[in-house]
Amino acid sequence: GHLPLPAKIVIEVQDLIESGEIAGGDIDVIHDKVLASLQGGVDR
């Protein structure tokens, strides 16, 4: 481990992806949607 620098930590929960969409969707498409959601949040 290490002693972490006191960087400001900001966390933002993104919009939910419904279980029905996950059940009926393509795995790659859902994966890309999650990545896009996270990257969009990180960029903001």
PDB file of all heavy atoms in Angstrom:
ATOM      1  N   GLY A   1       0.814  -1.200   0.000  1.00  0.00           N
ATOM      2  CA  GLY A   1       0.000   0.000   0.000  1.00  0.00           C
ATOM      3  C   GLY A   1       0.851   1.255   0.000  1.00  0.00           C
ATOM      4  O   GLY A   1       2.068   1.214  -0.182  1.00  0.00           O
ATOM      5  N   HIS A   2       0.238   2.372   0.221  1.00  0.00           N
ATOM      6  CA  HIS A   2       0.944   3.645   0.258  1.00  0.00           C
ATOM      7  C   HIS A   2       0.077   4.660   0.988  1.00  0.00           C
ATOM      8  O   HIS A   2      -1.113   4.407   1.239  1.00  0.00           O
ATOM      9  CB  HIS A   2       1.262   4.144  -1.162  1.00  0.00           C
ATOM     10  CG  HIS A   2       0.058   4.378  -2.004  1.00  0.00           C
ATOM     11  ND1 HIS A   2      -0.549   3.376  -2.736  1.00  0.00           N
ATOM     12  CD2 HIS A   2      -0.693   5.500  -2.230  1.00  0.00           C
ATOM     13  CE1 HIS A   2      -1.598   3.860  -3.382  1.00  0.00           C
ATOM     14  NE2 HIS A   2      -1.710   5.156  -3.078  1.00  0.00           N
ATOM     15  N   LEU A   3       0.666   5.757   1.353  1.00  0.00           N
ATOM     16  CA  LEU A   3      -0.087   6.850   1.962  1.00  0.00           C
ATOM     17  C   LEU A   3      -0.638   7.715   0.838  1.00  0.00           C
ATOM     18  O   LEU A   3       0.128   8.402   0.150  1.00  0.00           O
ATOM     19  CB  LEU A   3       0.807   7.673   2.889  1.00  0.00           C
ATOM     20  CG  LEU A   3       0.136   8.882   3.564  1.00  0.00           C
ATOM     21  CD1 LEU A   3      -0.983   8.429   4.482  1.00  0.00           C
ATOM     22  CD2 LEU A   3       1.175   9.706   4.329  1.00  0.00           C
ATOM     23  N   PRO A   4      -1.942   7.708   0.626  1.00  0.00           N
ATOM     24  CA  PRO A   4      -2.496   8.460  -0.506  1.00  0.00           C
ATOM     25  C   PRO A   4      -2.418   9.958  -0.275  1.00  0.00           C
ATOM     26  O   PRO A   4      -2.620  10.442   0.844  1.00  0.00           O
ATOM     27  CB  PRO A   4      -3.949   7.980  -0.576  1.00  0.00           C
ATOM     28  CG  PRO A   4      -4.262   7.540   0.815  1.00  0.00           C
ATOM     29  CD  PRO A   4      -2.986   6.980   1.366  1.00  0.00           C
ATOM     30  N   LEU A   5      -2.122  10.689  -1.330  1.00  0.00           N
ATOM     31  CA  LEU A   5      -2.197  12.133  -1.269  1.00  0.00           C
ATOM     32  C   LEU A   5      -3.659  12.545  -1.061  1.00  0.00           C
ATOM     33  O   LEU A   5      -4.578  11.829  -1.485  1.00  0.00           O
ATOM     34  CB  LEU A   5      -1.652  12.742  -2.560  1.00  0.00           C
ATOM     35  CG  LEU A   5      -0.169  12.500  -2.858  1.00  0.00           C
ATOM     36  CD1 LEU A   5       0.178  13.024  -4.253  1.00  0.00           C
ATOM     37  CD2 LEU A   5       0.715  13.148  -1.803  1.00  0.00           C
ATOM     38  N   PRO A   6      -3.895  13.688  -0.431  1.00  0.00           N
ATOM     39  CA  PRO A   6      -5.268  14.107  -0.127  1.00  0.00           C
ATOM     40  C   PRO A   6      -6.001  14.684  -1.337  1.00  0.00           C
ATOM     41  O   PRO A   6      -6.465  15.828  -1.323  1.00  0.00           O
ATOM     42  CB  PRO A   6      -5.072  15.156   0.969  1.00  0.00           C
ATOM     43  CG  PRO A   6      -3.745  15.761   0.654  1.00  0.00           C
ATOM     44  CD  PRO A   6      -2.897  14.615   0.147  1.00  0.00           C
ATOM     45  N   ALA A   7      -6.087  13.893  -2.399  1.00  0.00           N
ATOM     46  CA  ALA A   7      -6.777  14.348  -3.612  1.00  0.00           C
ATOM     47  C   ALA A   7      -8.279  14.427  -3.359  1.00  0.00           C
ATOM     48  O   ALA A   7      -8.847  13.601  -2.630  1.00  0.00           O
ATOM     49  CB  ALA A   7      -6.489  13.386  -4.763  1.00  0.00           C
ATOM     50  N   LYS A   8      -8.914  15.387  -3.971  1.00  0.00           N
ATOM     51  CA  LYS A   8     -10.366  15.512  -3.847  1.00  0.00           C
ATOM     52  C   LYS A   8     -11.031  14.396  -4.645  1.00  0.00           C
ATOM     53  O   LYS A   8     -10.766  14.226  -5.839  1.00  0.00           O
ATOM     54  CB  LYS A   8     -10.835  16.871  -4.356  1.00  0.00           C
ATOM     55  CG  LYS A   8     -12.353  17.069  -4.242  1.00  0.00           C
ATOM     56  CD  LYS A   8     -12.755  18.486  -4.617  1.00  0.00           C
ATOM     57  CE  LYS A   8     -14.275  18.645  -4.573  1.00  0.00           C
ATOM     58  NZ  LYS A   8     -14.839  18.394  -3.228  1.00  0.00           N
ATOM     59  N   ILE A   9     -11.890  13.635  -3.988  1.00  0.00           N
ATOM     60  CA  ILE A   9     -12.598  12.526  -4.613  1.00  0.00           C
ATOM     61  C   ILE A   9     -14.029  12.955  -4.907  1.00  0.00           C
ATOM     62  O   ILE A   9     -14.771  13.347  -3.999  1.00  0.00           O
ATOM     63  CB  ILE A   9     -12.603  11.281  -3.707  1.00  0.00           C
ATOM     64  CG1 ILE A   9     -11.172  10.875  -3.326  1.00  0.00           C
ATOM     65  CG2 ILE A   9     -13.341  10.130  -4.389  1.00  0.00           C
ATOM     66  CD1 ILE A   9     -10.291  10.526  -4.504  1.00  0.00           C
ATOM     67  N   VAL A  10     -14.405  12.892  -6.175  1.00  0.00           N
ATOM     68  CA  VAL A  10     -15.763  13.225  -6.587  1.00  0.00           C
ATOM     69  C   VAL A  10     -16.356  12.005  -7.298  1.00  0.00           C
ATOM     70  O   VAL A  10     -15.741  11.439  -8.197  1.00  0.00           O
ATOM     71  CB  VAL A  10     -15.799  14.448  -7.523  1.00  0.00           C
ATOM     72  CG1 VAL A  10     -17.250  14.840  -7.818  1.00  0.00           C
ATOM     73  CG2 VAL A  10     -15.052  15.621  -6.909  1.00  0.00           C
ATOM     74  N   ILE A  11     -17.549  11.618  -6.866  1.00  0.00           N
ATOM     75  CA  ILE A  11     -18.227  10.440  -7.410  1.00  0.00           C
ATOM     76  C   ILE A  11     -19.632  10.845  -7.834  1.00  0.00           C
ATOM     77  O   ILE A  11     -20.319  11.578  -7.109  1.00  0.00           O
ATOM     78  CB  ILE A  11     -18.296   9.308  -6.365  1.00  0.00           C
ATOM     79  CG1 ILE A  11     -16.880   8.868  -5.971  1.00  0.00           C
ATOM     80  CG2 ILE A  11     -19.094   8.121  -6.897  1.00  0.00           C
ATOM     81  CD1 ILE A  11     -16.840   7.847  -4.852  1.00  0.00           C
ATOM     82  N   GLU A  12     -20.032  10.388  -9.006  1.00  0.00           N
ATOM     83  CA  GLU A  12     -21.371  10.709  -9.511  1.00  0.00           C
ATOM     84  C   GLU A  12     -22.045   9.447 -10.038  1.00  0.00           C
ATOM     85  O   GLU A  12     -21.523   8.781 -10.941  1.00  0.00           O
ATOM     86  CB  GLU A  12     -21.287  11.753 -10.621  1.00  0.00           C
ATOM     87  CG  GLU A  12     -22.648  12.183 -11.149  1.00  0.00           C
ATOM     88  CD  GLU A  12     -22.527  13.145 -12.319  1.00  0.00           C
ATOM     89  OE1 GLU A  12     -22.199  12.693 -13.438  1.00  0.00           O
ATOM     90  OE2 GLU A  12     -22.735  14.348 -12.095  1.00  0.00           O
ATOM     91  N   VAL A  13     -23.179   9.114  -9.460  1.00  0.00           N
ATOM     92  CA  VAL A  13     -23.972   7.980  -9.920  1.00  0.00           C
ATOM     93  C   VAL A  13     -24.686   8.376 -11.203  1.00  0.00           C
ATOM     94  O   VAL A  13     -25.265   9.462 -11.298  1.00  0.00           O
ATOM     95  CB  VAL A  13     -24.988   7.558  -8.843  1.00  0.00           C
ATOM     96  CG1 VAL A  13     -25.839   6.394  -9.341  1.00  0.00           C
ATOM     97  CG2 VAL A  13     -24.262   7.187  -7.544  1.00  0.00           C
ATOM     98  N   GLN A  14     -24.647   7.469 -12.196  1.00  0.00           N
ATOM     99  CA  GLN A  14     -25.245   7.740 -13.502  1.00  0.00           C
ATOM    100  C   GLN A  14     -26.625   7.094 -13.615  1.00  0.00           C
ATOM    101  O   GLN A  14     -27.084   6.394 -12.708  1.00  0.00           O
ATOM    102  CB  GLN A  14     -24.318   7.219 -14.607  1.00  0.00           C
ATOM    103  CG  GLN A  14     -22.886   7.691 -14.502  1.00  0.00           C
ATOM    104  CD  GLN A  14     -22.747   9.198 -14.534  1.00  0.00           C
ATOM    105  OE1 GLN A  14     -23.187   9.851 -15.479  1.00  0.00           O
ATOM    106  NE2 GLN A  14     -22.149   9.771 -13.493  1.00  0.00           N
ATOM    107  N   ASP A  15     -27.284   7.311 -14.729  1.00  0.00           N
ATOM    108  CA  ASP A  15     -28.633   6.787 -14.934  1.00  0.00           C
ATOM    109  C   ASP A  15     -28.643   5.259 -14.991  1.00  0.00           C
ATOM    110  O   ASP A  15     -27.750   4.634 -15.574  1.00  0.00           O
ATOM    111  CB  ASP A  15     -29.229   7.346 -16.228  1.00  0.00           C
ATOM    112  CG  ASP A  15     -29.546   8.834 -16.119  1.00  0.00           C
ATOM    113  OD1 ASP A  15     -29.786   9.308 -14.990  1.00  0.00           O
ATOM    114  OD2 ASP A  15     -29.533   9.523 -17.165  1.00  0.00           O
ATOM    115  N   LEU A  16     -29.677   4.702 -14.428  1.00  0.00           N
ATOM    116  CA  LEU A  16     -29.854   3.249 -14.358  1.00  0.00           C
ATOM    117  C   LEU A  16     -30.120   2.650 -15.742  1.00  0.00           C
ATOM    118  O   LEU A  16     -30.781   3.273 -16.575  1.00  0.00           O
ATOM    119  CB  LEU A  16     -31.008   2.961 -13.401  1.00  0.00           C
ATOM    120  CG  LEU A  16     -31.495   1.530 -13.224  1.00  0.00           C
ATOM    121  CD1 LEU A  16     -31.931   1.319 -11.769  1.00  0.00           C
ATOM    122  CD2 LEU A  16     -32.694   1.245 -14.153  1.00  0.00           C
ATOM    123  N   ILE A  17     -29.595   1.456 -15.953  1.00  0.00           N
ATOM    124  CA  ILE A  17     -29.899   0.661 -17.152  1.00  0.00           C
ATOM    125  C   ILE A  17     -30.807  -0.474 -16.704  1.00  0.00           C
ATOM    126  O   ILE A  17     -30.412  -1.314 -15.903  1.00  0.00           O
ATOM    127  CB  ILE A  17     -28.619   0.120 -17.813  1.00  0.00           C
ATOM    128  CG1 ILE A  17     -27.684   1.278 -18.187  1.00  0.00           C
ATOM    129  CG2 ILE A  17     -28.955  -0.722 -19.044  1.00  0.00           C
ATOM    130  CD1 ILE A  17     -26.322   0.829 -18.698  1.00  0.00           C
ATOM    131  N   GLU A  18     -32.032  -0.497 -17.204  1.00  0.00           N
ATOM    132  CA  GLU A  18     -33.044  -1.426 -16.726  1.00  0.00           C
ATOM    133  C   GLU A  18     -32.669  -2.882 -17.000  1.00  0.00           C
ATOM    134  O   GLU A  18     -32.014  -3.196 -17.998  1.00  0.00           O
ATOM    135  CB  GLU A  18     -34.387  -1.127 -17.393  1.00  0.00           C
ATOM    136  CG  GLU A  18     -34.961   0.248 -17.065  1.00  0.00           C
ATOM    137  CD  GLU A  18     -35.584   0.301 -15.676  1.00  0.00           C
ATOM    138  OE1 GLU A  18     -35.599  -0.744 -14.992  1.00  0.00           O
ATOM    139  OE2 GLU A  18     -36.042   1.392 -15.291  1.00  0.00           O
ATOM    140  N   SER A  19     -33.139  -3.761 -16.118  1.00  0.00           N
ATOM    141  CA  SER A  19     -32.851  -5.191 -16.270  1.00  0.00           C
ATOM    142  C   SER A  19     -33.461  -5.744 -17.552  1.00  0.00           C
ATOM    143  O   SER A  19     -32.887  -6.644 -18.178  1.00  0.00           O
ATOM    144  CB  SER A  19     -33.377  -5.960 -15.057  1.00  0.00           C
ATOM    145  OG  SER A  19     -34.773  -5.754 -14.884  1.00  0.00           O
ATOM    146  N   GLY A  20     -34.616  -5.211 -17.970  1.00  0.00           N
ATOM    147  CA  GLY A  20     -35.232  -5.682 -19.206  1.00  0.00           C
ATOM    148  C   GLY A  20     -34.383  -5.376 -20.420  1.00  0.00           C
ATOM    149  O   GLY A  20     -34.272  -6.205 -21.338  1.00  0.00           O
ATOM    150  N   GLU A  21     -33.775  -4.208 -20.436  1.00  0.00           N
ATOM    151  CA  GLU A  21     -32.879  -3.845 -21.534  1.00  0.00           C
ATOM    152  C   GLU A  21     -31.652  -4.745 -21.545  1.00  0.00           C
ATOM    153  O   GLU A  21     -31.179  -5.167 -22.615  1.00  0.00           O
ATOM    154  CB  GLU A  21     -32.453  -2.384 -21.405  1.00  0.00           C
ATOM    155  CG  GLU A  21     -31.518  -1.917 -22.517  1.00  0.00           C
ATOM    156  CD  GLU A  21     -31.106  -0.465 -22.374  1.00  0.00           C
ATOM    157  OE1 GLU A  21     -31.644   0.232 -21.500  1.00  0.00           O
ATOM    158  OE2 GLU A  21     -30.237  -0.016 -23.158  1.00  0.00           O
ATOM    159  N   ILE A  22     -31.146  -5.071 -20.381  1.00  0.00           N
ATOM    160  CA  ILE A  22     -29.968  -5.951 -20.279  1.00  0.00           C
ATOM    161  C   ILE A  22     -30.317  -7.359 -20.737  1.00  0.00           C
ATOM    162  O   ILE A  22     -29.547  -8.001 -21.455  1.00  0.00           O
ATOM    163  CB  ILE A  22     -29.446  -5.964 -18.829  1.00  0.00           C
ATOM    164  CG1 ILE A  22     -28.970  -4.564 -18.422  1.00  0.00           C
ATOM    165  CG2 ILE A  22     -28.315  -6.979 -18.667  1.00  0.00           C
ATOM    166  CD1 ILE A  22     -28.696  -4.417 -16.945  1.00  0.00           C
ATOM    167  N   ALA A  23     -31.497  -7.840 -20.347  1.00  0.00           N
ATOM    168  CA  ALA A  23     -31.913  -9.198 -20.708  1.00  0.00           C
ATOM    169  C   ALA A  23     -32.098  -9.351 -22.208  1.00  0.00           C
ATOM    170  O   ALA A  23     -31.786 -10.399 -22.787  1.00  0.00           O
ATOM    171  CB  ALA A  23     -33.202  -9.557 -19.977  1.00  0.00           C
ATOM    172  N   GLY A  24     -32.626  -8.305 -22.848  1.00  0.00           N
ATOM    173  CA  GLY A  24     -32.929  -8.407 -24.269  1.00  0.00           C
ATOM    174  C   GLY A  24     -31.883  -7.830 -25.187  1.00  0.00           C
ATOM    175  O   GLY A  24     -31.979  -7.977 -26.415  1.00  0.00           O
ATOM    176  N   GLY A  25     -30.851  -7.194 -24.621  1.00  0.00           N
ATOM    177  CA  GLY A  25     -29.857  -6.527 -25.446  1.00  0.00           C
ATOM    178  C   GLY A  25     -28.612  -7.352 -25.691  1.00  0.00           C
ATOM    179  O   GLY A  25     -28.357  -8.350 -25.010  1.00  0.00           O
ATOM    180  N   ASP A  26     -27.845  -6.936 -26.659  1.00  0.00           N
ATOM    181  CA  ASP A  26     -26.569  -7.573 -26.961  1.00  0.00           C
ATOM    182  C   ASP A  26     -25.548  -7.180 -25.896  1.00  0.00           C
ATOM    183  O   ASP A  26     -25.490  -6.030 -25.459  1.00  0.00           O
ATOM    184  CB  ASP A  26     -26.094  -7.119 -28.342  1.00  0.00           C
ATOM    185  CG  ASP A  26     -24.778  -7.749 -28.733  1.00  0.00           C
ATOM    186  OD1 ASP A  26     -24.790  -8.880 -29.213  1.00  0.00           O
ATOM    187  OD2 ASP A  26     -23.735  -7.080 -28.537  1.00  0.00           O
ATOM    188  N   ILE A  27     -24.739  -8.135 -25.463  1.00  0.00           N
ATOM    189  CA  ILE A  27     -23.774  -7.889 -24.391  1.00  0.00           C
ATOM    190  C   ILE A  27     -22.827  -6.760 -24.772  1.00  0.00           C
ATOM    191  O   ILE A  27     -22.521  -5.879 -23.957  1.00  0.00           O
ATOM    192  CB  ILE A  27     -23.008  -9.181 -24.044  1.00  0.00           C
ATOM    193  CG1 ILE A  27     -23.932 -10.130 -23.280  1.00  0.00           C
ATOM    194  CG2 ILE A  27     -21.754  -8.862 -23.216  1.00  0.00           C
ATOM    195  CD1 ILE A  27     -23.313 -11.446 -22.917  1.00  0.00           C
ATOM    196  N   ASP A  28     -22.341  -6.768 -26.009  1.00  0.00           N
ATOM    197  CA  ASP A  28     -21.409  -5.719 -26.443  1.00  0.00           C
ATOM    198  C   ASP A  28     -22.074  -4.346 -26.421  1.00  0.00           C
ATOM    199  O   ASP A  28     -21.436  -3.347 -26.051  1.00  0.00           O
ATOM    200  CB  ASP A  28     -20.888  -6.019 -27.851  1.00  0.00           C
ATOM    201  CG  ASP A  28     -19.927  -7.199 -27.882  1.00  0.00           C
ATOM    202  OD1 ASP A  28     -19.346  -7.509 -26.832  1.00  0.00           O
ATOM    203  OD2 ASP A  28     -19.765  -7.796 -28.958  1.00  0.00           O
ATOM    204  N   VAL A  29     -23.333  -4.292 -26.798  1.00  0.00           N
ATOM    205  CA  VAL A  29     -24.057  -3.019 -26.823  1.00  0.00           C
ATOM    206  C   VAL A  29     -24.243  -2.494 -25.399  1.00  0.00           C
ATOM    207  O   VAL A  29     -24.037  -1.298 -25.128  1.00  0.00           O
ATOM    208  CB  VAL A  29     -25.411  -3.183 -27.532  1.00  0.00           C
ATOM    209  CG1 VAL A  29     -26.255  -1.912 -27.388  1.00  0.00           C
ATOM    210  CG2 VAL A  29     -25.202  -3.504 -29.010  1.00  0.00           C
ATOM    211  N   ILE A  30     -24.638  -3.366 -24.483  1.00  0.00           N
ATOM    212  CA  ILE A  30     -24.809  -2.954 -23.088  1.00  0.00           C
ATOM    213  C   ILE A  30     -23.470  -2.525 -22.498  1.00  0.00           C
ATOM    214  O   ILE A  30     -23.385  -1.496 -21.799  1.00  0.00           O
ATOM    215  CB  ILE A  30     -25.412  -4.097 -22.251  1.00  0.00           C
ATOM    216  CG1 ILE A  30     -26.775  -4.503 -22.797  1.00  0.00           C
ATOM    217  CG2 ILE A  30     -25.519  -3.675 -20.788  1.00  0.00           C
ATOM    218  CD1 ILE A  30     -27.807  -3.399 -22.783  1.00  0.00           C
ATOM    219  N   HIS A  31     -22.417  -3.274 -22.793  1.00  0.00           N
ATOM    220  CA  HIS A  31     -21.077  -2.923 -22.314  1.00  0.00           C
ATOM    221  C   HIS A  31     -20.669  -1.543 -22.823  1.00  0.00           C
ATOM    222  O   HIS A  31     -20.179  -0.704 -22.045  1.00  0.00           O
ATOM    223  CB  HIS A  31     -20.083  -3.980 -22.804  1.00  0.00           C
ATOM    224  CG  HIS A  31     -18.642  -3.637 -22.569  1.00  0.00           C
ATOM    225  ND1 HIS A  31     -18.073  -3.580 -21.315  1.00  0.00           N
ATOM    226  CD2 HIS A  31     -17.646  -3.323 -23.449  1.00  0.00           C
ATOM    227  CE1 HIS A  31     -16.798  -3.258 -21.419  1.00  0.00           C
ATOM    228  NE2 HIS A  31     -16.521  -3.088 -22.698  1.00  0.00           N
ATOM    229  N   ASP A  32     -20.893  -1.292 -24.099  1.00  0.00           N
ATOM    230  CA  ASP A  32     -20.544   0.014 -24.665  1.00  0.00           C
ATOM    231  C   ASP A  32     -21.364   1.131 -24.023  1.00  0.00           C
ATOM    232  O   ASP A  32     -20.862   2.249 -23.815  1.00  0.00           O
ATOM    233  CB  ASP A  32     -20.763   0.013 -26.180  1.00  0.00           C
ATOM    234  CG  ASP A  32     -19.740  -0.847 -26.921  1.00  0.00           C
ATOM    235  OD1 ASP A  32     -18.693  -1.176 -26.325  1.00  0.00           O
ATOM    236  OD2 ASP A  32     -19.999  -1.184 -28.096  1.00  0.00           O
ATOM    237  N   LYS A  33     -22.617   0.837 -23.692  1.00  0.00           N
ATOM    238  CA  LYS A  33     -23.469   1.841 -23.060  1.00  0.00           C
ATOM    239  C   LYS A  33     -22.957   2.183 -21.663  1.00  0.00           C
ATOM    240  O   LYS A  33     -22.952   3.359 -21.260  1.00  0.00           O
ATOM    241  CB  LYS A  33     -24.910   1.343 -23.003  1.00  0.00           C
ATOM    242  CG  LYS A  33     -25.881   2.366 -22.440  1.00  0.00           C
ATOM    243  CD  LYS A  33     -27.329   1.912 -22.577  1.00  0.00           C
ATOM    244  CE  LYS A  33     -28.285   2.995 -22.080  1.00  0.00           C
ATOM    245  NZ  LYS A  33     -29.708   2.594 -22.287  1.00  0.00           N
ATOM    246  N   VAL A  34     -22.528   1.161 -20.916  1.00  0.00           N
ATOM    247  CA  VAL A  34     -21.984   1.394 -19.577  1.00  0.00           C
ATOM    248  C   VAL A  34     -20.713   2.228 -19.666  1.00  0.00           C
ATOM    249  O   VAL A  34     -20.533   3.207 -18.922  1.00  0.00           O
ATOM    250  CB  VAL A  34     -21.704   0.057 -18.864  1.00  0.00           C
ATOM    251  CG1 VAL A  34     -20.944   0.289 -17.556  1.00  0.00           C
ATOM    252  CG2 VAL A  34     -23.002  -0.692 -18.588  1.00  0.00           C
ATOM    253  N   LEU A  35     -19.806   1.856 -20.590  1.00  0.00           N
ATOM    254  CA  LEU A  35     -18.567   2.611 -20.752  1.00  0.00           C
ATOM    255  C   LEU A  35     -18.841   4.060 -21.142  1.00  0.00           C
ATOM    256  O   LEU A  35     -18.205   4.987 -20.613  1.00  0.00           O
ATOM    257  CB  LEU A  35     -17.676   1.950 -21.807  1.00  0.00           C
ATOM    258  CG  LEU A  35     -16.984   0.641 -21.436  1.00  0.00           C
ATOM    259  CD1 LEU A  35     -16.096   0.172 -22.581  1.00  0.00           C
ATOM    260  CD2 LEU A  35     -16.164   0.781 -20.165  1.00  0.00           C
ATOM    261  N   ALA A  36     -19.784   4.254 -22.057  1.00  0.00           N
ATOM    262  CA  ALA A  36     -20.112   5.614 -22.491  1.00  0.00           C
ATOM    263  C   ALA A  36     -20.693   6.432 -21.339  1.00  0.00           C
ATOM    264  O   ALA A  36     -20.375   7.621 -21.184  1.00  0.00           O
ATOM    265  CB  ALA A  36     -21.100   5.569 -23.657  1.00  0.00           C
ATOM    266  N   SER A  37     -21.516   5.808 -20.526  1.00  0.00           N
ATOM    267  CA  SER A  37     -22.096   6.487 -19.381  1.00  0.00           C
ATOM    268  C   SER A  37     -21.014   6.890 -18.381  1.00  0.00           C
ATOM    269  O   SER A  37     -20.987   8.031 -17.898  1.00  0.00           O
ATOM    270  CB  SER A  37     -23.129   5.584 -18.704  1.00  0.00           C
ATOM    271  OG  SER A  37     -23.648   6.179 -17.539  1.00  0.00           O
ATOM    272  N   LEU A  38     -20.121   5.955 -18.095  1.00  0.00           N
ATOM    273  CA  LEU A  38     -19.037   6.247 -17.153  1.00  0.00           C
ATOM    274  C   LEU A  38     -18.087   7.311 -17.701  1.00  0.00           C
ATOM    275  O   LEU A  38     -17.713   8.246 -16.981  1.00  0.00           O
ATOM    276  CB  LEU A  38     -18.256   4.971 -16.840  1.00  0.00           C
ATOM    277  CG  LEU A  38     -18.951   3.963 -15.932  1.00  0.00           C
ATOM    278  CD1 LEU A  38     -18.146   2.667 -15.858  1.00  0.00           C
ATOM    279  CD2 LEU A  38     -19.155   4.534 -14.538  1.00  0.00           C
ATOM    280  N   GLN A  39     -17.702   7.173 -18.965  1.00  0.00           N
ATOM    281  CA  GLN A  39     -16.777   8.140 -19.545  1.00  0.00           C
ATOM    282  C   GLN A  39     -17.404   9.527 -19.603  1.00  0.00           C
ATOM    283  O   GLN A  39     -16.731  10.537 -19.342  1.00  0.00           O
ATOM    284  CB  GLN A  39     -16.336   7.689 -20.934  1.00  0.00           C
ATOM    285  CG  GLN A  39     -15.186   8.508 -21.508  1.00  0.00           C
ATOM    286  CD  GLN A  39     -13.916   8.353 -20.687  1.00  0.00           C
ATOM    287  OE1 GLN A  39     -13.319   7.288 -20.632  1.00  0.00           O
ATOM    288  NE2 GLN A  39     -13.487   9.431 -20.039  1.00  0.00           N
ATOM    289  N   GLY A  40     -18.694   9.574 -19.915  1.00  0.00           N
ATOM    290  CA  GLY A  40     -19.379  10.857 -19.923  1.00  0.00           C
ATOM    291  C   GLY A  40     -19.390  11.494 -18.544  1.00  0.00           C
ATOM    292  O   GLY A  40     -19.174  12.703 -18.392  1.00  0.00           O
ATOM    293  N   GLY A  41     -19.638  10.684 -17.515  1.00  0.00           N
ATOM    294  CA  GLY A  41     -19.622  11.196 -16.156  1.00  0.00           C
ATOM    295  C   GLY A  41     -18.244  11.670 -15.740  1.00  0.00           C
ATOM    296  O   GLY A  41     -18.092  12.740 -15.140  1.00  0.00           O
ATOM    297  N   VAL A  42     -17.220  10.877 -16.057  1.00  0.00           N
ATOM    298  CA  VAL A  42     -15.843  11.257 -15.722  1.00  0.00           C
ATOM    299  C   VAL A  42     -15.456  12.552 -16.427  1.00  0.00           C
ATOM    300  O   VAL A  42     -14.831  13.443 -15.834  1.00  0.00           O
ATOM    301  CB  VAL A  42     -14.867  10.116 -16.091  1.00  0.00           C
ATOM    302  CG1 VAL A  42     -13.423  10.596 -16.058  1.00  0.00           C
ATOM    303  CG2 VAL A  42     -15.050   8.940 -15.136  1.00  0.00           C
ATOM    304  N   ASP A  43     -15.830  12.673 -17.698  1.00  0.00           N
ATOM    305  CA  ASP A  43     -15.491  13.890 -18.459  1.00  0.00           C
ATOM    306  C   ASP A  43     -16.158  15.121 -17.846  1.00  0.00           C
ATOM    307  O   ASP A  43     -15.540  16.196 -17.766  1.00  0.00           O
ATOM    308  CB  ASP A  43     -15.910  13.725 -19.921  1.00  0.00           C
ATOM    309  CG  ASP A  43     -15.051  12.721 -20.673  1.00  0.00           C
ATOM    310  OD1 ASP A  43     -13.957  12.378 -20.172  1.00  0.00           O
ATOM    311  OD2 ASP A  43     -15.476  12.281 -21.756  1.00  0.00           O
ATOM    312  N   ARG A  44     -17.400  14.981 -17.424  1.00  0.00           N
ATOM    313  CA  ARG A  44     -18.081  16.120 -16.793  1.00  0.00           C
ATOM    314  C   ARG A  44     -17.407  16.524 -15.494  1.00  0.00           C
ATOM    315  O   ARG A  44     -17.198  17.715 -15.219  1.00  0.00           O
ATOM    316  CB  ARG A  44     -19.558  15.784 -16.532  1.00  0.00           C
ATOM    317  CG  ARG A  44     -20.449  15.811 -17.748  1.00  0.00           C
ATOM    318  CD  ARG A  44     -21.915  15.759 -17.365  1.00  0.00           C
ATOM    319  NE  ARG A  44     -22.254  14.564 -16.588  1.00  0.00           N
ATOM    320  CZ  ARG A  44     -22.563  13.396 -17.120  1.00  0.00           C
ATOM    321  NH1 ARG A  44     -22.563  13.253 -18.444  1.00  0.00           N
ATOM    322  NH2 ARG A  44     -22.871  12.362 -16.361  1.00  0.00           N
TER     323      ARG A  44
END
